[in-house]
Amino acid sequence: MNVIYPLAVPKGRRLCCEVCEAPAERVCAACTVTYYWSGPNRSG
């Protein structure tokens, strides 16, 4: 997975983890559409 650079994200856009809705820190390198948080997921 690739790191998301905050300056590359459009202003006002919030990227969330697909699993737990936490602010995303990484993007899938294969599809570049799915975002993930790098810590333990808070789902469930």
PDB file of N, CA and C in Angstrom:
ATOM      1  N   MET A   1       0.836  -1.185   0.000  1.00  0.00           N
ATOM      2  CA  MET A   1       0.000   0.000   0.000  1.00  0.00           C
ATOM      3  C   MET A   1       0.876   1.241   0.000  1.00  0.00           C
ATOM      4  N   ASN A   2       0.368   2.267  -0.593  1.00  0.00           N
ATOM      5  CA  ASN A   2       1.099   3.525  -0.694  1.00  0.00           C
ATOM      6  C   ASN A   2       0.580   4.541   0.312  1.00  0.00           C
ATOM      7  N   VAL A   3       1.465   5.378   0.801  1.00  0.00           N
ATOM      8  CA  VAL A   3       1.119   6.432   1.754  1.00  0.00           C
ATOM      9  C   VAL A   3       0.370   7.538   1.016  1.00  0.00           C
ATOM     10  N   ILE A   4      -0.640   8.118   1.666  1.00  0.00           N
ATOM     11  CA  ILE A   4      -1.372   9.253   1.103  1.00  0.00           C
ATOM     12  C   ILE A   4      -0.670  10.529   1.549  1.00  0.00           C
ATOM     13  N   TYR A   5      -0.364  11.402   0.605  1.00  0.00           N
ATOM     14  CA  TYR A   5       0.257  12.676   0.918  1.00  0.00           C
ATOM     15  C   TYR A   5      -0.835  13.726   1.068  1.00  0.00           C
ATOM     16  N   PRO A   6      -0.963  14.330   2.252  1.00  0.00           N
ATOM     17  CA  PRO A   6      -2.059  15.268   2.509  1.00  0.00           C
ATOM     18  C   PRO A   6      -2.152  16.424   1.514  1.00  0.00           C
ATOM     19  N   LEU A   7      -1.045  16.895   1.009  1.00  0.00           N
ATOM     20  CA  LEU A   7      -1.079  18.009   0.068  1.00  0.00           C
ATOM     21  C   LEU A   7      -1.608  17.600  -1.305  1.00  0.00           C
ATOM     22  N   ALA A   8      -1.675  16.296  -1.579  1.00  0.00           N
ATOM     23  CA  ALA A   8      -2.184  15.809  -2.863  1.00  0.00           C
ATOM     24  C   ALA A   8      -3.695  15.594  -2.851  1.00  0.00           C
ATOM     25  N   VAL A   9      -4.309  15.664  -1.663  1.00  0.00           N
ATOM     26  CA  VAL A   9      -5.749  15.465  -1.528  1.00  0.00           C
ATOM     27  C   VAL A   9      -6.437  16.824  -1.691  1.00  0.00           C
ATOM     28  N   PRO A  10      -7.471  16.891  -2.538  1.00  0.00           N
ATOM     29  CA  PRO A  10      -8.188  18.165  -2.708  1.00  0.00           C
ATOM     30  C   PRO A  10      -8.720  18.698  -1.384  1.00  0.00           C
ATOM     31  N   LYS A  11      -8.679  20.008  -1.214  1.00  0.00           N
ATOM     32  CA  LYS A  11      -9.131  20.640   0.016  1.00  0.00           C
ATOM     33  C   LYS A  11     -10.605  20.327   0.269  1.00  0.00           C
ATOM     34  N   GLY A  12     -10.917  19.928   1.487  1.00  0.00           N
ATOM     35  CA  GLY A  12     -12.285  19.613   1.869  1.00  0.00           C
ATOM     36  C   GLY A  12     -12.674  18.168   1.639  1.00  0.00           C
ATOM     37  N   ARG A  13     -11.829  17.384   1.004  1.00  0.00           N
ATOM     38  CA  ARG A  13     -12.132  15.969   0.768  1.00  0.00           C
ATOM     39  C   ARG A  13     -11.591  15.139   1.918  1.00  0.00           C
ATOM     40  N   ARG A  14     -12.437  14.281   2.476  1.00  0.00           N
ATOM     41  CA  ARG A  14     -12.039  13.442   3.607  1.00  0.00           C
ATOM     42  C   ARG A  14     -11.945  12.002   3.130  1.00  0.00           C
ATOM     43  N   LEU A  15     -10.779  11.399   3.256  1.00  0.00           N
ATOM     44  CA  LEU A  15     -10.569  10.015   2.866  1.00  0.00           C
ATOM     45  C   LEU A  15     -10.698   9.137   4.100  1.00  0.00           C
ATOM     46  N   CYS A  16     -11.575   8.125   4.034  1.00  0.00           N
ATOM     47  CA  CYS A  16     -11.845   7.258   5.181  1.00  0.00           C
ATOM     48  C   CYS A  16     -11.452   5.820   4.888  1.00  0.00           C
ATOM     49  N   CYS A  17     -11.058   5.123   5.941  1.00  0.00           N
ATOM     50  CA  CYS A  17     -10.745   3.700   5.866  1.00  0.00           C
ATOM     51  C   CYS A  17     -11.993   2.922   5.445  1.00  0.00           C
ATOM     52  N   GLU A  18     -11.833   1.992   4.514  1.00  0.00           N
ATOM     53  CA  GLU A  18     -12.952   1.182   4.035  1.00  0.00           C
ATOM     54  C   GLU A  18     -13.472   0.232   5.110  1.00  0.00           C
ATOM     55  N   VAL A  19     -12.652  -0.094   6.101  1.00  0.00           N
ATOM     56  CA  VAL A  19     -13.030  -1.074   7.117  1.00  0.00           C
ATOM     57  C   VAL A  19     -13.672  -0.414   8.333  1.00  0.00           C
ATOM     58  N   CYS A  20     -13.062   0.665   8.841  1.00  0.00           N
ATOM     59  CA  CYS A  20     -13.527   1.215  10.121  1.00  0.00           C
ATOM     60  C   CYS A  20     -13.889   2.699  10.095  1.00  0.00           C
ATOM     61  N   GLU A  21     -13.829   3.341   8.939  1.00  0.00           N
ATOM     62  CA  GLU A  21     -14.198   4.756   8.785  1.00  0.00           C
ATOM     63  C   GLU A  21     -13.263   5.737   9.488  1.00  0.00           C
ATOM     64  N   ALA A  22     -12.077   5.281   9.914  1.00  0.00           N
ATOM     65  CA  ALA A  22     -11.085   6.184  10.491  1.00  0.00           C
ATOM     66  C   ALA A  22     -10.446   6.985   9.353  1.00  0.00           C
ATOM     67  N   PRO A  23      -9.836   8.136   9.651  1.00  0.00           N
ATOM     68  CA  PRO A  23      -9.145   8.873   8.594  1.00  0.00           C
ATOM     69  C   PRO A  23      -8.079   7.983   7.941  1.00  0.00           C
ATOM     70  N   ALA A  24      -8.103   7.896   6.628  1.00  0.00           N
ATOM     71  CA  ALA A  24      -7.204   7.005   5.898  1.00  0.00           C
ATOM     72  C   ALA A  24      -5.790   7.564   5.832  1.00  0.00           C
ATOM     73  N   GLU A  25      -4.822   6.641   5.867  1.00  0.00           N
ATOM     74  CA  GLU A  25      -3.412   7.006   5.752  1.00  0.00           C
ATOM     75  C   GLU A  25      -2.728   6.322   4.582  1.00  0.00           C
ATOM     76  N   ARG A  26      -3.386   5.299   4.015  1.00  0.00           N
ATOM     77  CA  ARG A  26      -2.790   4.539   2.918  1.00  0.00           C
ATOM     78  C   ARG A  26      -3.833   4.251   1.847  1.00  0.00           C
ATOM     79  N   VAL A  27      -3.358   4.098   0.617  1.00  0.00           N
ATOM     80  CA  VAL A  27      -4.229   3.766  -0.510  1.00  0.00           C
ATOM     81  C   VAL A  27      -3.732   2.461  -1.132  1.00  0.00           C
ATOM     82  N   CYS A  28      -4.664   1.648  -1.610  1.00  0.00           N
ATOM     83  CA  CYS A  28      -4.322   0.383  -2.247  1.00  0.00           C
ATOM     84  C   CYS A  28      -3.470   0.641  -3.488  1.00  0.00           C
ATOM     85  N   ALA A  29      -2.321  -0.030  -3.578  1.00  0.00           N
ATOM     86  CA  ALA A  29      -1.413   0.173  -4.714  1.00  0.00           C
ATOM     87  C   ALA A  29      -1.949  -0.473  -5.982  1.00  0.00           C
ATOM     88  N   ALA A  30      -2.768  -1.502  -5.847  1.00  0.00           N
ATOM     89  CA  ALA A  30      -3.280  -2.212  -7.020  1.00  0.00           C
ATOM     90  C   ALA A  30      -4.405  -1.443  -7.715  1.00  0.00           C
ATOM     91  N   CYS A  31      -5.379  -0.962  -6.947  1.00  0.00           N
ATOM     92  CA  CYS A  31      -6.535  -0.310  -7.579  1.00  0.00           C
ATOM     93  C   CYS A  31      -6.535   1.212  -7.435  1.00  0.00           C
ATOM     94  N   THR A  32      -5.802   1.766  -6.478  1.00  0.00           N
ATOM     95  CA  THR A  32      -5.706   3.206  -6.176  1.00  0.00           C
ATOM     96  C   THR A  32      -7.068   3.848  -5.882  1.00  0.00           C
ATOM     97  N   VAL A  33      -8.050   3.048  -5.465  1.00  0.00           N
ATOM     98  CA  VAL A  33      -9.381   3.560  -5.160  1.00  0.00           C
ATOM     99  C   VAL A  33      -9.759   3.304  -3.704  1.00  0.00           C
ATOM    100  N   THR A  34      -9.237   2.246  -3.119  1.00  0.00           N
ATOM    101  CA  THR A  34      -9.582   1.851  -1.764  1.00  0.00           C
ATOM    102  C   THR A  34      -8.577   2.408  -0.774  1.00  0.00           C
ATOM    103  N   TYR A  35      -9.090   2.989   0.319  1.00  0.00           N
ATOM    104  CA  TYR A  35      -8.242   3.619   1.324  1.00  0.00           C
ATOM    105  C   TYR A  35      -8.293   2.848   2.632  1.00  0.00           C
ATOM    106  N   TYR A  36      -7.168   2.865   3.366  1.00  0.00           N
ATOM    107  CA  TYR A  36      -7.074   2.158   4.621  1.00  0.00           C
ATOM    108  C   TYR A  36      -6.366   3.002   5.662  1.00  0.00           C
ATOM    109  N   TRP A  37      -6.680   2.721   6.932  1.00  0.00           N
ATOM    110  CA  TRP A  37      -5.992   3.302   8.070  1.00  0.00           C
ATOM    111  C   TRP A  37      -4.863   2.366   8.416  1.00  0.00           C
ATOM    112  N   SER A  38      -3.748   2.842   8.883  1.00  0.00           N
ATOM    113  CA  SER A  38      -2.596   1.972   9.136  1.00  0.00           C
ATOM    114  C   SER A  38      -2.595   1.349  10.534  1.00  0.00           C
ATOM    115  N   GLY A  39      -3.516   1.745  11.394  1.00  0.00           N
ATOM    116  CA  GLY A  39      -3.570   1.186  12.747  1.00  0.00           C
ATOM    117  C   GLY A  39      -4.571   0.055  12.850  1.00  0.00           C
ATOM    118  N   PRO A  40      -4.825  -0.415  14.077  1.00  0.00           N
ATOM    119  CA  PRO A  40      -5.832  -1.481  14.253  1.00  0.00           C
ATOM    120  C   PRO A  40      -7.229  -0.941  13.938  1.00  0.00           C
ATOM    121  N   ASN A  41      -8.026  -1.728  13.245  1.00  0.00           N
ATOM    122  CA  ASN A  41      -9.355  -1.276  12.843  1.00  0.00           C
ATOM    123  C   ASN A  41     -10.301  -1.192  14.030  1.00  0.00           C
ATOM    124  N   ARG A  42     -11.166  -0.184  13.988  1.00  0.00           N
ATOM    125  CA  ARG A  42     -12.094   0.075  15.081  1.00  0.00           C
ATOM    126  C   ARG A  42     -13.498  -0.423  14.771  1.00  0.00           C
ATOM    127  N   SER A  43     -13.626  -1.361  13.854  1.00  0.00           N
ATOM    128  CA  SER A  43     -14.956  -1.844  13.475  1.00  0.00           C
ATOM    129  C   SER A  43     -15.516  -2.812  14.510  1.00  0.00           C
ATOM    130  N   GLY A  44     -16.828  -2.898  14.531  1.00  0.00           N
ATOM    131  CA  GLY A  44     -17.489  -3.917  15.276  1.00  0.00           C
ATOM    132  C   GLY A  44     -17.760  -3.696  16.674  1.00  0.00           C
TER     133      GLY A  44
END
